[in-house]
Amino acid sequence: DAADDDDDDAISLRYRGSAGQSFGAFACRGVRLELEGDANDYVGKGLSGGELAIRPPRDTVANGVFRASASVIVGNTCLYGATAGRLFAAGRAGDRFAVRNSGAVAVVEGAGDNLCEYMTGGVVVVLSAGAFGVNVGAGMSGGVAYLVVDAEADLLAAKLNADVVARRVVDAASPAGMQLERLVRDHRDATGSAAAAALLDDWPTAATRFVQILPVCTDPATVDAVDVVDDHVLAPVTPTPAPSRASSSSSDAAPPPPHKPKTLAR
């Protein structure tokens, strides 16, 4: 059903149930879609400035059936080729989340293998400790990810594609830390996420549980120097390097095969 919005030019729609393929694909600025349920593969494919908010049915949360870090709420290859916009999903995403994302911002509570693969820009946040698969950041040349790891540092090292990405701690008082807090807060407000609410209850402590994942070619100083883009998206001031011709394609093309690390312990 249609919903009122402060912006007269905006379109805000609410849905309930299970969405099929490509929910919210190519949604442009001024479009906001809310889904109470779940969605299949390619959610937010080619997202171009719109906002998607996906949360589980309220009754499954109330009776404890749905556990956000373990229950899949969106399918594989979400945000493929996205250029702008935001996605909040209060559950786990499938494999290849944010593959070839070049500018969208996303918060999820878990993800499968090949997270942030071939990503060239944007921000991805995963809220549940260790709730992500192997080969994180394969082929990543830009953007940033934030992952909760707690005491699982060795496990994280085994899951990262160390040839391509590096990790560093998050300072809650830094611009990057403030960016992260703002996105966690927006995720809570958009989806009612219990995980996000718990983190925000004691943010200075919660921030220390995150690590920041950056391509090895990125100067960390450029990530700390953030600016406001499109009124709500925080991004590095310095543009990230352009992808090579070999790693670029249109949104209509199939994603390339997963980038395999040289060595990877499970």
C-alpha atoms as a PDB file:
ATOM      1  CA  ASP A   1       0.000   0.000   0.000  1.00  0.00           C
ATOM      2  CA  ALA A   2       1.108   3.569  -0.555  1.00  0.00           C
ATOM      3  CA  ALA A   3       2.411   5.500   2.442  1.00  0.00           C
ATOM      4  CA  ASP A   4       2.746   9.189   3.151  1.00  0.00           C
ATOM      5  CA  ASP A   5       6.216  10.683   2.999  1.00  0.00           C
ATOM      6  CA  ASP A   6       7.625  14.072   3.921  1.00  0.00           C
ATOM      7  CA  ASP A   7       8.995  14.415   0.395  1.00  0.00           C
ATOM      8  CA  ASP A   8       6.159  15.151  -2.033  1.00  0.00           C
ATOM      9  CA  ASP A   9       8.201  13.661  -4.858  1.00  0.00           C
ATOM     10  CA  ALA A  10       8.877  10.382  -3.015  1.00  0.00           C
ATOM     11  CA  ILE A  11       7.179   7.049  -3.586  1.00  0.00           C
ATOM     12  CA  SER A  12       6.966   4.856  -0.474  1.00  0.00           C
ATOM     13  CA  LEU A  13       5.476   1.376  -0.746  1.00  0.00           C
ATOM     14  CA  ARG A  14       4.984  -1.343   1.867  1.00  0.00           C
ATOM     15  CA  TYR A  15       4.752  -5.071   1.147  1.00  0.00           C
ATOM     16  CA  ARG A  16       4.112  -8.248   3.146  1.00  0.00           C
ATOM     17  CA  GLY A  17       5.062 -11.804   2.243  1.00  0.00           C
ATOM     18  CA  SER A  18       7.758 -13.361   0.073  1.00  0.00           C
ATOM     19  CA  ALA A  19       9.173 -11.337  -2.800  1.00  0.00           C
ATOM     20  CA  GLY A  20      10.616 -13.033  -5.858  1.00  0.00           C
ATOM     21  CA  GLN A  21      13.760 -12.234  -7.800  1.00  0.00           C
ATOM     22  CA  SER A  22      15.181  -8.711  -8.023  1.00  0.00           C
ATOM     23  CA  PHE A  23      13.067  -6.976  -5.381  1.00  0.00           C
ATOM     24  CA  GLY A  24      13.847  -3.266  -5.608  1.00  0.00           C
ATOM     25  CA  ALA A  25      16.120  -3.656  -8.647  1.00  0.00           C
ATOM     26  CA  PHE A  26      17.234  -0.326 -10.134  1.00  0.00           C
ATOM     27  CA  ALA A  27      15.202   1.664  -7.569  1.00  0.00           C
ATOM     28  CA  CYS A  28      16.104   5.329  -8.021  1.00  0.00           C
ATOM     29  CA  ARG A  29      16.306   8.237  -5.629  1.00  0.00           C
ATOM     30  CA  GLY A  30      12.905   9.100  -4.166  1.00  0.00           C
ATOM     31  CA  VAL A  31      11.717   5.459  -4.072  1.00  0.00           C
ATOM     32  CA  ARG A  32      11.470   3.650  -0.738  1.00  0.00           C
ATOM     33  CA  LEU A  33      10.307   0.042  -0.490  1.00  0.00           C
ATOM     34  CA  GLU A  34       9.544  -1.738   2.784  1.00  0.00           C
ATOM     35  CA  LEU A  35       9.034  -5.497   2.963  1.00  0.00           C
ATOM     36  CA  GLU A  36       7.827  -7.482   5.963  1.00  0.00           C
ATOM     37  CA  GLY A  37       8.821 -10.982   4.949  1.00  0.00           C
ATOM     38  CA  ASP A  38      11.704 -12.220   2.811  1.00  0.00           C
ATOM     39  CA  ALA A  39      13.067 -11.903  -0.707  1.00  0.00           C
ATOM     40  CA  ASN A  40      14.895 -14.054  -3.246  1.00  0.00           C
ATOM     41  CA  ASP A  41      18.114 -13.389  -5.173  1.00  0.00           C
ATOM     42  CA  TYR A  42      19.270 -10.065  -6.665  1.00  0.00           C
ATOM     43  CA  VAL A  43      17.593  -7.766  -4.122  1.00  0.00           C
ATOM     44  CA  GLY A  44      18.640  -4.221  -4.999  1.00  0.00           C
ATOM     45  CA  LYS A  45      20.353  -5.196  -8.245  1.00  0.00           C
ATOM     46  CA  GLY A  46      21.554  -1.987  -9.867  1.00  0.00           C
ATOM     47  CA  LEU A  47      20.178   0.069  -6.955  1.00  0.00           C
ATOM     48  CA  SER A  48      20.448   3.703  -8.064  1.00  0.00           C
ATOM     49  CA  GLY A  49      19.579   5.843  -5.054  1.00  0.00           C
ATOM     50  CA  GLY A  50      16.463   4.215  -3.643  1.00  0.00           C
ATOM     51  CA  GLU A  51      16.070   2.763  -0.159  1.00  0.00           C
ATOM     52  CA  LEU A  52      15.031  -0.803   0.710  1.00  0.00           C
ATOM     53  CA  ALA A  53      14.093  -1.983   4.215  1.00  0.00           C
ATOM     54  CA  ILE A  54      13.393  -5.672   4.815  1.00  0.00           C
ATOM     55  CA  ARG A  55      12.407  -7.146   8.156  1.00  0.00           C
ATOM     56  CA  PRO A  56      10.998 -10.519   9.241  1.00  0.00           C
ATOM     57  CA  PRO A  57       7.294 -10.970  10.034  1.00  0.00           C
ATOM     58  CA  ARG A  58       6.595  -9.671  13.499  1.00  0.00           C
ATOM     59  CA  ASP A  59       5.060 -12.930  14.729  1.00  0.00           C
ATOM     60  CA  THR A  60       8.176 -14.948  13.857  1.00  0.00           C
ATOM     61  CA  VAL A  61      10.284 -12.519  15.870  1.00  0.00           C
ATOM     62  CA  ALA A  62       7.895 -12.546  18.818  1.00  0.00           C
ATOM     63  CA  ASN A  63       7.793 -16.351  19.069  1.00  0.00           C
ATOM     64  CA  GLY A  64      11.557 -16.753  18.632  1.00  0.00           C
ATOM     65  CA  VAL A  65      11.378 -18.671  15.332  1.00  0.00           C
ATOM     66  CA  PHE A  66      13.429 -16.075  13.466  1.00  0.00           C
ATOM     67  CA  ARG A  67      17.036 -15.554  14.586  1.00  0.00           C
ATOM     68  CA  ALA A  68      18.483 -12.703  12.567  1.00  0.00           C
ATOM     69  CA  SER A  69      22.100 -13.912  12.477  1.00  0.00           C
ATOM     70  CA  ALA A  70      21.138 -17.401  11.285  1.00  0.00           C
ATOM     71  CA  SER A  71      17.890 -16.907   9.338  1.00  0.00           C
ATOM     72  CA  VAL A  72      18.181 -15.946   5.674  1.00  0.00           C
ATOM     73  CA  ILE A  73      15.988 -12.981   4.740  1.00  0.00           C
ATOM     74  CA  VAL A  74      17.421 -12.125   1.294  1.00  0.00           C
ATOM     75  CA  GLY A  75      18.989 -14.417  -1.302  1.00  0.00           C
ATOM     76  CA  ASN A  76      22.228 -14.471  -3.269  1.00  0.00           C
ATOM     77  CA  THR A  77      23.972 -11.728  -5.258  1.00  0.00           C
ATOM     78  CA  CYS A  78      22.091  -8.840  -3.651  1.00  0.00           C
ATOM     79  CA  LEU A  79      23.168  -5.293  -4.568  1.00  0.00           C
ATOM     80  CA  TYR A  80      24.910  -6.588  -7.682  1.00  0.00           C
ATOM     81  CA  GLY A  81      26.121  -3.556  -9.609  1.00  0.00           C
ATOM     82  CA  ALA A  82      24.475  -1.061  -7.230  1.00  0.00           C
ATOM     83  CA  THR A  83      25.665   2.524  -7.617  1.00  0.00           C
ATOM     84  CA  ALA A  84      23.805   4.437  -4.857  1.00  0.00           C
ATOM     85  CA  GLY A  85      21.074   4.061  -2.264  1.00  0.00           C
ATOM     86  CA  ARG A  86      20.635   2.067   0.939  1.00  0.00           C
ATOM     87  CA  LEU A  87      19.560  -1.455   1.909  1.00  0.00           C
ATOM     88  CA  PHE A  88      18.647  -2.498   5.446  1.00  0.00           C
ATOM     89  CA  ALA A  89      17.859  -6.188   5.990  1.00  0.00           C
ATOM     90  CA  ALA A  90      17.206  -7.520   9.491  1.00  0.00           C
ATOM     91  CA  GLY A  91      18.453 -11.015   8.770  1.00  0.00           C
ATOM     92  CA  ARG A  92      21.105 -12.954   6.909  1.00  0.00           C
ATOM     93  CA  ALA A  93      21.971 -12.465   3.236  1.00  0.00           C
ATOM     94  CA  GLY A  94      23.093 -15.232   0.901  1.00  0.00           C
ATOM     95  CA  ASP A  95      26.373 -15.583  -0.995  1.00  0.00           C
ATOM     96  CA  ARG A  96      28.102 -12.795  -2.950  1.00  0.00           C
ATOM     97  CA  PHE A  97      26.420  -9.983  -1.066  1.00  0.00           C
ATOM     98  CA  ALA A  98      27.282  -6.558  -2.552  1.00  0.00           C
ATOM     99  CA  VAL A  99      29.189  -8.074  -5.485  1.00  0.00           C
ATOM    100  CA  ARG A 100      30.345  -5.211  -7.718  1.00  0.00           C
ATOM    101  CA  ASN A 101      28.698  -2.633  -5.502  1.00  0.00           C
ATOM    102  CA  SER A 102      30.150   0.756  -6.384  1.00  0.00           C
ATOM    103  CA  GLY A 103      28.315   3.155  -4.088  1.00  0.00           C
ATOM    104  CA  ALA A 104      25.356   1.724  -2.157  1.00  0.00           C
ATOM    105  CA  VAL A 105      25.258   1.435   1.634  1.00  0.00           C
ATOM    106  CA  ALA A 106      23.947  -1.731   3.294  1.00  0.00           C
ATOM    107  CA  VAL A 107      23.421  -3.138   6.766  1.00  0.00           C
ATOM    108  CA  VAL A 108      22.630  -6.841   7.232  1.00  0.00           C
ATOM    109  CA  GLU A 109      22.911  -9.230  10.173  1.00  0.00           C
ATOM    110  CA  GLY A 110      24.796 -12.006   8.433  1.00  0.00           C
ATOM    111  CA  ALA A 111      26.053 -13.014   4.983  1.00  0.00           C
ATOM    112  CA  GLY A 112      27.328 -16.032   3.068  1.00  0.00           C
ATOM    113  CA  ASP A 113      30.565 -16.593   1.175  1.00  0.00           C
ATOM    114  CA  ASN A 114      32.312 -14.006  -1.041  1.00  0.00           C
ATOM    115  CA  LEU A 115      31.038 -10.955   0.838  1.00  0.00           C
ATOM    116  CA  CYS A 116      31.925  -7.644  -0.889  1.00  0.00           C
ATOM    117  CA  GLU A 117      33.383  -9.436  -3.894  1.00  0.00           C
ATOM    118  CA  TYR A 118      34.702  -7.082  -6.614  1.00  0.00           C
ATOM    119  CA  MET A 119      33.330  -4.125  -4.646  1.00  0.00           C
ATOM    120  CA  THR A 120      34.635  -0.744  -5.809  1.00  0.00           C
ATOM    121  CA  GLY A 121      32.754   1.637  -3.489  1.00  0.00           C
ATOM    122  CA  GLY A 122      30.055   1.948  -0.852  1.00  0.00           C
ATOM    123  CA  VAL A 123      29.737   0.651   2.693  1.00  0.00           C
ATOM    124  CA  VAL A 124      28.640  -2.761   4.003  1.00  0.00           C
ATOM    125  CA  VAL A 125      27.965  -3.523   7.683  1.00  0.00           C
ATOM    126  CA  VAL A 126      27.380  -7.008   9.151  1.00  0.00           C
ATOM    127  CA  LEU A 127      26.036  -6.843  12.703  1.00  0.00           C
ATOM    128  CA  SER A 128      26.275 -10.405  14.057  1.00  0.00           C
ATOM    129  CA  ALA A 129      29.570 -11.766  15.335  1.00  0.00           C
ATOM    130  CA  GLY A 130      31.227 -14.095  12.858  1.00  0.00           C
ATOM    131  CA  ALA A 131      28.022 -14.382  10.803  1.00  0.00           C
ATOM    132  CA  PHE A 132      29.703 -14.303   7.406  1.00  0.00           C
ATOM    133  CA  GLY A 133      31.267 -16.873   5.118  1.00  0.00           C
ATOM    134  CA  VAL A 134      34.715 -17.332   3.648  1.00  0.00           C
ATOM    135  CA  ASN A 135      36.612 -15.321   1.040  1.00  0.00           C
ATOM    136  CA  VAL A 136      35.579 -11.885   2.305  1.00  0.00           C
ATOM    137  CA  GLY A 137      36.665  -9.057   0.029  1.00  0.00           C
ATOM    138  CA  ALA A 138      37.849 -11.107  -2.939  1.00  0.00           C
ATOM    139  CA  GLY A 139      38.686  -8.711  -5.764  1.00  0.00           C
ATOM    140  CA  MET A 140      37.628  -5.707  -3.649  1.00  0.00           C
ATOM    141  CA  SER A 141      39.267  -2.472  -4.835  1.00  0.00           C
ATOM    142  CA  GLY A 142      37.223   0.204  -3.053  1.00  0.00           C
ATOM    143  CA  GLY A 143      34.638   0.882  -0.395  1.00  0.00           C
ATOM    144  CA  VAL A 144      34.686  -0.343   3.185  1.00  0.00           C
ATOM    145  CA  ALA A 145      33.081  -3.078   5.287  1.00  0.00           C
ATOM    146  CA  TYR A 146      32.499  -3.330   9.030  1.00  0.00           C
ATOM    147  CA  LEU A 147      32.257  -6.758  10.664  1.00  0.00           C
ATOM    148  CA  VAL A 148      31.605  -7.820  14.257  1.00  0.00           C
ATOM    149  CA  VAL A 149      34.216 -10.353  15.331  1.00  0.00           C
ATOM    150  CA  ASP A 150      34.421 -10.331  19.157  1.00  0.00           C
ATOM    151  CA  ALA A 151      37.087 -12.877  20.152  1.00  0.00           C
ATOM    152  CA  GLU A 152      37.107 -14.577  16.752  1.00  0.00           C
ATOM    153  CA  ALA A 153      40.168 -12.806  15.357  1.00  0.00           C
ATOM    154  CA  ASP A 154      41.761 -16.046  14.175  1.00  0.00           C
ATOM    155  CA  LEU A 155      38.523 -17.115  12.520  1.00  0.00           C
ATOM    156  CA  LEU A 156      38.285 -13.758  10.772  1.00  0.00           C
ATOM    157  CA  ALA A 157      41.826 -14.109   9.459  1.00  0.00           C
ATOM    158  CA  ALA A 158      40.867 -17.445   7.936  1.00  0.00           C
ATOM    159  CA  LYS A 159      37.823 -15.920   6.256  1.00  0.00           C
ATOM    160  CA  LEU A 160      39.463 -12.827   4.757  1.00  0.00           C
ATOM    161  CA  ASN A 161      41.030 -12.817   1.315  1.00  0.00           C
ATOM    162  CA  ALA A 162      44.297 -11.487   2.693  1.00  0.00           C
ATOM    163  CA  ASP A 163      45.784 -10.955  -0.767  1.00  0.00           C
ATOM    164  CA  VAL A 164      43.262  -8.173  -1.378  1.00  0.00           C
ATOM    165  CA  VAL A 165      41.953  -6.750   1.920  1.00  0.00           C
ATOM    166  CA  ALA A 166      43.279  -5.798   5.338  1.00  0.00           C
ATOM    167  CA  ARG A 167      41.592  -5.105   8.661  1.00  0.00           C
ATOM    168  CA  ARG A 168      41.930  -2.490  11.364  1.00  0.00           C
ATOM    169  CA  VAL A 169      40.192  -1.602  14.603  1.00  0.00           C
ATOM    170  CA  VAL A 170      37.387   0.948  14.764  1.00  0.00           C
ATOM    171  CA  ASP A 171      37.699   4.017  16.974  1.00  0.00           C
ATOM    172  CA  ALA A 172      34.188   5.042  18.050  1.00  0.00           C
ATOM    173  CA  ALA A 173      35.219   8.722  18.173  1.00  0.00           C
ATOM    174  CA  SER A 174      36.691   8.769  14.660  1.00  0.00           C
ATOM    175  CA  PRO A 175      34.697   9.861  11.585  1.00  0.00           C
ATOM    176  CA  ALA A 176      34.576   6.222  10.501  1.00  0.00           C
ATOM    177  CA  GLY A 177      33.258   5.221  13.926  1.00  0.00           C
ATOM    178  CA  MET A 178      30.592   7.906  13.773  1.00  0.00           C
ATOM    179  CA  GLN A 179      29.660   6.759  10.274  1.00  0.00           C
ATOM    180  CA  LEU A 180      29.233   3.225  11.571  1.00  0.00           C
ATOM    181  CA  GLU A 181      27.105   4.318  14.544  1.00  0.00           C
ATOM    182  CA  ARG A 182      24.828   6.328  12.267  1.00  0.00           C
ATOM    183  CA  LEU A 183      24.275   3.361   9.965  1.00  0.00           C
ATOM    184  CA  VAL A 184      23.534   0.998  12.869  1.00  0.00           C
ATOM    185  CA  ARG A 185      21.028   3.540  14.196  1.00  0.00           C
ATOM    186  CA  ASP A 186      19.388   3.921  10.780  1.00  0.00           C
ATOM    187  CA  HIS A 187      19.170   0.130  10.499  1.00  0.00           C
ATOM    188  CA  ARG A 188      17.427  -0.108  13.873  1.00  0.00           C
ATOM    189  CA  ASP A 189      14.968   2.617  12.913  1.00  0.00           C
ATOM    190  CA  ALA A 190      14.241   1.098   9.490  1.00  0.00           C
ATOM    191  CA  THR A 191      13.809  -2.549  10.547  1.00  0.00           C
ATOM    192  CA  GLY A 192      13.289  -2.663  14.310  1.00  0.00           C
ATOM    193  CA  SER A 193      16.442  -4.794  14.575  1.00  0.00           C
ATOM    194  CA  ALA A 194      17.027  -6.150  18.085  1.00  0.00           C
ATOM    195  CA  ALA A 195      20.709  -6.684  17.283  1.00  0.00           C
ATOM    196  CA  ALA A 196      21.177  -3.050  16.310  1.00  0.00           C
ATOM    197  CA  ALA A 197      19.311  -1.859  19.400  1.00  0.00           C
ATOM    198  CA  ALA A 198      21.534  -3.988  21.646  1.00  0.00           C
ATOM    199  CA  LEU A 199      24.698  -2.558  20.080  1.00  0.00           C
ATOM    200  CA  LEU A 200      23.466   1.018  20.484  1.00  0.00           C
ATOM    201  CA  ASP A 201      22.635   0.507  24.175  1.00  0.00           C
ATOM    202  CA  ASP A 202      26.377   0.700  24.896  1.00  0.00           C
ATOM    203  CA  TRP A 203      27.915   2.002  21.695  1.00  0.00           C
ATOM    204  CA  PRO A 204      31.420   2.847  22.984  1.00  0.00           C
ATOM    205  CA  THR A 205      31.853  -0.792  24.006  1.00  0.00           C
ATOM    206  CA  ALA A 206      30.042  -2.178  20.984  1.00  0.00           C
ATOM    207  CA  ALA A 207      32.252  -0.214  18.586  1.00  0.00           C
ATOM    208  CA  THR A 208      35.301  -2.110  19.845  1.00  0.00           C
ATOM    209  CA  ARG A 209      33.727  -5.359  18.599  1.00  0.00           C
ATOM    210  CA  PHE A 210      33.884  -4.186  14.987  1.00  0.00           C
ATOM    211  CA  VAL A 211      36.781  -4.361  12.593  1.00  0.00           C
ATOM    212  CA  GLN A 212      37.025  -2.278   9.451  1.00  0.00           C
ATOM    213  CA  ILE A 213      37.827  -4.129   6.217  1.00  0.00           C
ATOM    214  CA  LEU A 214      39.634  -2.146   3.517  1.00  0.00           C
ATOM    215  CA  PRO A 215      41.304  -3.026   0.211  1.00  0.00           C
ATOM    216  CA  VAL A 216      45.063  -3.093   0.637  1.00  0.00           C
ATOM    217  CA  CYS A 217      45.264  -0.389  -2.059  1.00  0.00           C
ATOM    218  CA  THR A 218      43.198   2.061   0.053  1.00  0.00           C
ATOM    219  CA  ASP A 219      44.880   4.683   2.206  1.00  0.00           C
ATOM    220  CA  PRO A 220      43.110   4.427   5.609  1.00  0.00           C
ATOM    221  CA  ALA A 221      43.399   8.202   6.009  1.00  0.00           C
ATOM    222  CA  THR A 222      40.978   8.700   3.123  1.00  0.00           C
ATOM    223  CA  VAL A 223      38.369   6.596   4.895  1.00  0.00           C
ATOM    224  CA  ASP A 224      38.649   8.679   8.061  1.00  0.00           C
ATOM    225  CA  ALA A 225      38.096  11.870   6.030  1.00  0.00           C
ATOM    226  CA  VAL A 226      34.392  11.361   5.342  1.00  0.00           C
ATOM    227  CA  ASP A 227      31.908  13.678   3.713  1.00  0.00           C
ATOM    228  CA  VAL A 228      28.134  13.697   3.322  1.00  0.00           C
ATOM    229  CA  VAL A 229      26.842  12.490  -0.017  1.00  0.00           C
ATOM    230  CA  ASP A 230      23.166  12.547  -1.060  1.00  0.00           C
ATOM    231  CA  ASP A 231      22.193  13.919   2.376  1.00  0.00           C
ATOM    232  CA  HIS A 232      22.508  10.582   4.136  1.00  0.00           C
ATOM    233  CA  VAL A 233      25.304   8.464   2.696  1.00  0.00           C
ATOM    234  CA  LEU A 234      28.760   8.855   4.178  1.00  0.00           C
ATOM    235  CA  ALA A 235      31.643   7.960   1.885  1.00  0.00           C
ATOM    236  CA  PRO A 236      35.379   8.586   1.534  1.00  0.00           C
ATOM    237  CA  VAL A 237      36.241  12.044   0.223  1.00  0.00           C
ATOM    238  CA  THR A 238      38.934  10.677  -2.059  1.00  0.00           C
ATOM    239  CA  PRO A 239      37.453   8.549  -4.873  1.00  0.00           C
ATOM    240  CA  THR A 240      38.482   4.923  -4.832  1.00  0.00           C
ATOM    241  CA  PRO A 241      40.517   3.622  -7.787  1.00  0.00           C
ATOM    242  CA  ALA A 242      38.484   2.833 -10.883  1.00  0.00           C
ATOM    243  CA  PRO A 243      38.020  -0.904 -11.547  1.00  0.00           C
ATOM    244  CA  SER A 244      40.053  -2.441 -14.299  1.00  0.00           C
ATOM    245  CA  ARG A 245      38.401  -3.085 -17.621  1.00  0.00           C
ATOM    246  CA  ALA A 246      38.561  -6.783 -16.932  1.00  0.00           C
ATOM    247  CA  SER A 247      36.430  -6.394 -13.805  1.00  0.00           C
ATOM    248  CA  SER A 248      33.736  -4.092 -15.226  1.00  0.00           C
ATOM    249  CA  SER A 249      30.434  -5.106 -16.783  1.00  0.00           C
ATOM    250  CA  SER A 250      26.883  -3.896 -17.156  1.00  0.00           C
ATOM    251  CA  SER A 251      24.226  -4.732 -14.595  1.00  0.00           C
ATOM    252  CA  ASP A 252      22.507  -6.984 -17.142  1.00  0.00           C
ATOM    253  CA  ALA A 253      25.482  -9.296 -17.462  1.00  0.00           C
ATOM    254  CA  ALA A 254      25.943 -12.318 -15.233  1.00  0.00           C
ATOM    255  CA  PRO A 255      28.431 -11.884 -12.378  1.00  0.00           C
ATOM    256  CA  PRO A 256      31.925 -13.276 -12.996  1.00  0.00           C
ATOM    257  CA  PRO A 257      32.892 -16.510 -11.250  1.00  0.00           C
ATOM    258  CA  PRO A 258      33.956 -16.067  -7.612  1.00  0.00           C
ATOM    259  CA  HIS A 259      37.508 -14.848  -7.084  1.00  0.00           C
ATOM    260  CA  LYS A 260      39.425 -17.670  -5.403  1.00  0.00           C
ATOM    261  CA  PRO A 261      42.094 -16.963  -2.797  1.00  0.00           C
ATOM    262  CA  LYS A 262      45.508 -18.531  -3.121  1.00  0.00           C
ATOM    263  CA  THR A 263      45.169 -20.246   0.244  1.00  0.00           C
ATOM    264  CA  LEU A 264      42.186 -20.320   2.535  1.00  0.00           C
ATOM    265  CA  ALA A 265      41.749 -22.203   5.773  1.00  0.00           C
ATOM    266  CA  ARG A 266      38.245 -23.040   6.822  1.00  0.00           C
END
